[in-house]
Every structure is written in structure tokens, then in C-alpha cells.
Amino acid sequence: MNLTAKIKSNPRLKAIVHKLIVTDARPRLWVRLFAAPFFHKRGKNSIIRPSARVDIFPFNKFSVGANATIEDFSTVNNGVGDIIIGDHARVGLGSVLIGPVTMGNQAIMAQNVVCSGLNHGYQDVTLPIRMQKVTTAPIVIEDEAWIGANAVITAGVTIGKHSVVAAGAVVTKSVPPYCVVAGNPAKIIKRYNFEEKEWQRVAAQKTTNLRDAVLA
């Protein structure tokens, strides 16, 4: 059994190590300065702007591809899951990535996008929500996708290759490749037709309410 496995299998030891590494949901200063850099994987010409808050813990992966950028005032946290950012990808101003999140090559985010692979438990009403266990589900933003400003991508969602998430959209379900989604919850409004080589609007689905169903 390796050291990591020993720590995870011993609750008391795990609590001690956690206290040494974490404070107020952030890595302690010594971790940020001396430990975390050894676990960073930075591609050639990658940029992390000085004001970005990069909370990187050594027990999960963090990598930034070649020519990728994490813009000012962004927050990146791999405390509960890996953060993988591909080549030529861009995390826009003020955006938030809470792992597990993977961004593909050439994927781009505009400003103030939130991607959180974490959810708080709330089921036990005898405990404050902040004290309950968290769950995680990976977010995957595939190659060439574009996430518009102020969009929210929820845990477990995949954004397909070359798809577009409109500004302000809240995406709760996975998006196929080569689609445009908008709204809250986000729905497909356009899809690329490879046979006709053009983006085509998707007709809105008609809903039948209970009154109409009774009268039919």
C-alpha cells in the first residue's frame, strides 16, 4: 500500500494531513508556494494571469496546455476533482472552474462563466448544508466549444465539440457536438447540417398542457 492509500484508509491520519494542507477551503501558503508548483503541468507559452486565484492541491491533477490562458480574476480549484485545460484554450475574465472539469483544445470561455463539478448535499435537515458531504460529477467541454458570458455549466454535463453555449444560459443536460444552446434550462436552438453545410434552426418543441390533453 502506497503512502496516499495509507492516508486515505486512516480517518485520523487523513484529518491531520487535510488540516496541514487546507485552510478555509484553500491550500495553505506553504502548499501554494512550495508543493503545488511541483504538481502543475504547464504547456509551452501558457499564461496564468497574476490576479487569477489558482487553488491547486497536490492530491488532484492540474494541467494547462500549450498557449492556453487563464485570465485575470478567474478562480480555478482542483480540491475535489482534476482540472485539465487543453492547448490554446482560454478561461475568460472572472470565470470559475471547480473540478472535476476538462477543457479541450481550442475551447474558449467568455467572461464570468461558472463550471462546477461539485454539488453540496442537503438531504439531512438536521445538519447545515455546508457540513454535509459533497458529490462530484465531471464537466467536459470538448474541443473548439465556445461558452458565452455569464453561462453556468452544471455538474455532469458535457459540451460537445464545436458547440456554442449562449450568454447567460444554464446548462443542465449534455449538449451534442455542433449545436447552439440557449436559455434556462438551455435547449438546442441551432444544429449544423453537414450535408447542406449550414447552421439550421431547430424548431421549438410544442408542449401539450393538461387542459388541451383533456379536450383532445
Protein backbone atom coordinates (compact mmCIF):
# COMPACT_ATOMS: atom_id res chain seq x y z
CA MET A 1 0.00 0.00 0.00
CA ASN A 2 1.46 3.37 -1.03
CA LEU A 3 1.50 6.48 1.16
CA THR A 4 -1.59 8.05 -0.42
CA ALA A 5 -3.62 4.88 0.09
CA LYS A 6 -2.47 4.64 3.71
CA ILE A 7 -3.57 8.21 4.40
CA LYS A 8 -6.97 7.71 2.77
CA SER A 9 -7.59 4.48 4.67
CA ASN A 10 -6.86 6.05 8.07
CA PRO A 11 -9.50 8.67 9.03
CA ARG A 12 -7.40 10.19 11.82
CA LEU A 13 -4.29 10.47 9.67
CA LYS A 14 -6.39 11.81 6.79
CA ALA A 15 -7.80 14.54 9.04
CA ILE A 16 -4.31 15.55 10.19
CA VAL A 17 -2.95 15.73 6.64
CA HIS A 18 -6.02 17.66 5.48
CA LYS A 19 -5.51 20.22 8.24
CA LEU A 20 -1.85 20.62 7.25
CA ILE A 21 -2.77 21.24 3.60
CA VAL A 22 -6.11 23.08 3.69
CA THR A 23 -7.34 26.23 5.39
CA ASP A 24 -10.67 27.93 4.64
CA ALA A 25 -11.15 25.75 1.53
CA ARG A 26 -7.83 26.99 0.13
CA PRO A 27 -4.40 25.39 0.08
CA ARG A 28 -2.18 26.76 2.83
CA LEU A 29 0.51 29.23 1.84
CA TRP A 30 3.32 26.67 2.05
CA VAL A 31 1.37 24.40 -0.31
CA ARG A 32 0.81 27.20 -2.82
CA LEU A 33 4.43 28.31 -2.74
CA PHE A 34 6.40 25.11 -2.40
CA ALA A 35 4.30 22.00 -3.02
CA ALA A 36 1.69 22.78 -5.67
CA PRO A 37 4.15 24.04 -8.34
CA PHE A 38 5.68 20.58 -8.49
CA PHE A 39 2.27 19.17 -9.39
CA HIS A 40 1.46 21.78 -12.04
CA LYS A 41 1.80 20.76 -15.66
CA ARG A 42 2.25 23.87 -17.75
CA GLY A 43 2.46 23.76 -21.53
CA LYS A 44 4.74 25.99 -23.55
CA ASN A 45 3.65 29.64 -23.66
CA SER A 46 0.72 29.02 -21.30
CA ILE A 47 -0.36 32.04 -19.25
CA ILE A 48 -1.94 32.30 -15.81
CA ARG A 49 -2.65 35.98 -15.14
CA PRO A 50 -1.34 37.41 -11.84
CA SER A 51 -4.76 38.14 -10.33
CA ALA A 52 -6.21 34.69 -11.09
CA ARG A 53 -6.92 32.69 -7.94
CA VAL A 54 -5.43 29.26 -8.58
CA ASP A 55 -6.15 26.97 -5.64
CA ILE A 56 -4.20 23.87 -6.56
CA PHE A 57 -3.94 20.91 -4.21
CA PRO A 58 -1.29 18.22 -4.71
CA PHE A 59 -3.73 15.31 -4.40
CA ASN A 60 -5.57 16.05 -7.69
CA LYS A 61 -4.35 16.82 -11.20
CA PHE A 62 -3.92 20.29 -12.65
CA SER A 63 -2.61 20.94 -16.16
CA VAL A 64 -2.68 23.83 -18.60
CA GLY A 65 -1.91 23.14 -22.26
CA ALA A 66 0.39 24.95 -24.63
CA ASN A 67 -0.66 28.53 -25.45
CA ALA A 68 -3.62 28.31 -23.06
CA THR A 69 -4.66 31.26 -20.89
CA ILE A 70 -6.36 31.67 -17.53
CA GLU A 71 -7.46 35.28 -17.46
CA ASP A 72 -7.45 37.81 -14.61
CA PHE A 73 -9.85 37.42 -11.66
CA SER A 74 -10.65 33.81 -12.55
CA THR A 75 -10.81 31.09 -9.91
CA VAL A 76 -9.56 27.56 -10.53
CA ASN A 77 -9.89 24.95 -7.78
CA ASN A 78 -8.97 21.26 -8.03
CA GLY A 79 -9.75 20.44 -4.40
CA VAL A 80 -12.46 17.90 -5.23
CA GLY A 81 -11.51 16.98 -8.79
CA ASP A 82 -8.95 17.34 -11.55
CA ILE A 83 -8.68 20.47 -13.68
CA ILE A 84 -7.40 19.79 -17.20
CA ILE A 85 -7.14 22.66 -19.69
CA GLY A 86 -6.18 21.86 -23.28
CA ASP A 87 -3.91 23.53 -25.81
CA HIS A 88 -4.94 27.02 -26.99
CA ALA A 89 -7.87 27.02 -24.54
CA ARG A 90 -8.96 30.18 -22.72
CA VAL A 91 -10.63 30.72 -19.36
CA GLY A 92 -12.26 34.15 -19.56
CA LEU A 93 -12.13 37.05 -17.12
CA GLY A 94 -13.77 36.30 -13.79
CA SER A 95 -14.70 32.73 -14.65
CA VAL A 96 -14.85 29.91 -12.09
CA LEU A 97 -13.72 26.31 -12.59
CA ILE A 98 -14.28 23.86 -9.75
CA GLY A 99 -13.14 20.36 -10.64
CA PRO A 100 -13.58 17.89 -11.99
CA VAL A 101 -13.50 19.96 -15.19
CA THR A 102 -11.82 19.21 -18.51
CA MET A 103 -11.50 21.78 -21.32
CA GLY A 104 -10.46 20.51 -24.73
CA ASN A 105 -8.10 22.04 -27.23
CA GLN A 106 -9.18 25.42 -28.66
CA ALA A 107 -12.13 25.59 -26.22
CA ILE A 108 -12.90 29.13 -25.07
CA MET A 109 -14.88 30.78 -22.27
CA ALA A 110 -16.08 34.36 -22.22
CA GLN A 111 -16.43 36.37 -19.01
CA ASN A 112 -17.91 35.20 -15.70
CA VAL A 113 -18.62 31.62 -16.73
CA VAL A 114 -19.19 29.14 -13.88
CA CYS A 115 -18.31 25.46 -14.31
CA SER A 116 -18.68 23.48 -11.11
CA GLY A 117 -18.33 19.72 -10.96
CA LEU A 118 -19.29 19.89 -7.27
CA ASN A 119 -22.69 19.76 -5.57
CA HIS A 120 -23.45 20.13 -1.87
CA GLY A 121 -25.57 17.54 -0.12
CA TYR A 122 -28.71 18.91 1.51
CA GLN A 123 -30.80 15.84 2.27
CA ASP A 124 -30.11 15.71 6.05
CA VAL A 125 -32.17 18.53 7.53
CA THR A 126 -30.51 18.09 10.94
CA LEU A 127 -27.18 19.30 9.55
CA PRO A 128 -26.23 22.62 7.94
CA ILE A 129 -25.71 22.14 4.21
CA ARG A 130 -22.09 23.25 4.46
CA MET A 131 -21.36 20.32 6.81
CA GLN A 132 -22.83 17.65 4.55
CA LYS A 133 -20.87 15.55 2.09
CA VAL A 134 -20.30 16.88 -1.40
CA THR A 135 -20.80 14.93 -4.59
CA THR A 136 -18.92 15.38 -7.83
CA ALA A 137 -19.60 14.65 -11.49
CA PRO A 138 -17.17 15.62 -14.27
CA ILE A 139 -17.79 18.51 -16.61
CA VAL A 140 -16.28 18.05 -20.08
CA ILE A 141 -16.00 20.91 -22.57
CA GLU A 142 -14.85 19.33 -25.79
CA ASP A 143 -12.52 20.75 -28.44
CA GLU A 144 -13.45 24.09 -30.05
CA ALA A 145 -16.53 24.71 -27.88
CA TRP A 146 -17.42 28.31 -27.00
CA ILE A 147 -19.09 29.20 -23.70
CA GLY A 148 -20.71 32.63 -23.68
CA ALA A 149 -20.54 35.22 -20.91
CA ASN A 150 -22.34 34.52 -17.62
CA ALA A 151 -23.22 30.95 -18.60
CA VAL A 152 -23.45 28.22 -15.95
CA ILE A 153 -22.42 24.62 -16.67
CA THR A 154 -23.64 22.20 -14.01
CA ALA A 155 -22.00 19.02 -12.73
CA GLY A 156 -22.01 16.02 -15.04
CA VAL A 157 -22.56 17.99 -18.26
CA THR A 158 -20.59 17.51 -21.48
CA ILE A 159 -20.49 20.27 -24.10
CA GLY A 160 -19.87 18.64 -27.47
CA LYS A 161 -17.20 19.57 -29.98
CA HIS A 162 -17.59 22.99 -31.66
CA SER A 163 -20.84 23.67 -29.81
CA VAL A 164 -21.86 27.10 -28.56
CA VAL A 165 -23.46 27.97 -25.23
CA ALA A 166 -25.23 31.32 -25.48
CA ALA A 167 -24.59 34.09 -22.97
CA GLY A 168 -26.50 33.61 -19.73
CA ALA A 169 -27.50 30.02 -20.46
CA VAL A 170 -27.81 27.48 -17.65
CA VAL A 171 -26.80 24.08 -19.00
CA THR A 172 -28.18 21.16 -17.01
CA LYS A 173 -28.02 18.45 -19.71
CA SER A 174 -25.23 17.42 -22.06
CA VAL A 175 -25.03 19.13 -25.44
CA PRO A 176 -24.26 17.17 -28.64
CA PRO A 177 -21.43 18.32 -30.93
CA TYR A 178 -22.06 21.14 -33.41
CA CYS A 179 -25.08 22.65 -31.65
CA VAL A 180 -26.06 26.04 -30.25
CA VAL A 181 -27.92 26.08 -26.94
CA ALA A 182 -29.59 28.97 -25.10
CA GLY A 183 -31.91 29.65 -22.20
CA ASN A 184 -32.56 28.39 -18.68
CA PRO A 185 -32.56 25.46 -18.78
CA ALA A 186 -30.58 25.52 -22.01
CA LYS A 187 -32.14 23.99 -25.11
CA ILE A 188 -30.81 23.39 -28.62
CA ILE A 189 -31.74 26.25 -30.96
CA LYS A 190 -29.38 25.50 -33.85
CA ARG A 191 -27.60 22.47 -35.25
CA TYR A 192 -25.03 22.21 -38.02
CA ASN A 193 -26.21 20.24 -41.07
CA PHE A 194 -23.13 18.63 -42.63
CA GLU A 195 -25.00 17.59 -45.78
CA GLU A 196 -26.19 21.11 -46.53
CA LYS A 197 -23.14 22.71 -44.90
CA GLU A 198 -25.03 25.28 -42.87
CA TRP A 199 -26.27 26.01 -39.37
CA GLN A 200 -30.01 25.41 -39.18
CA ARG A 201 -32.52 26.48 -36.59
CA VAL A 202 -34.22 23.76 -34.59
CA ALA A 203 -38.00 24.10 -34.38
CA ALA A 204 -39.26 24.70 -30.87
CA GLN A 205 -40.97 21.67 -29.40
CA LYS A 206 -44.65 22.21 -28.73
CA THR A 207 -45.89 21.26 -25.27
CA THR A 208 -49.38 19.97 -24.58
CA ASN A 209 -50.86 21.11 -21.28
CA LEU A 210 -53.31 19.09 -19.22
CA ARG A 211 -56.34 21.10 -20.38
CA ASP A 212 -55.51 20.50 -24.05
CA ALA A 213 -54.98 16.79 -23.39
CA VAL A 214 -58.41 16.52 -21.73
CA LEU A 215 -60.17 18.36 -24.55
CA ALA A 216 -58.42 16.33 -27.29
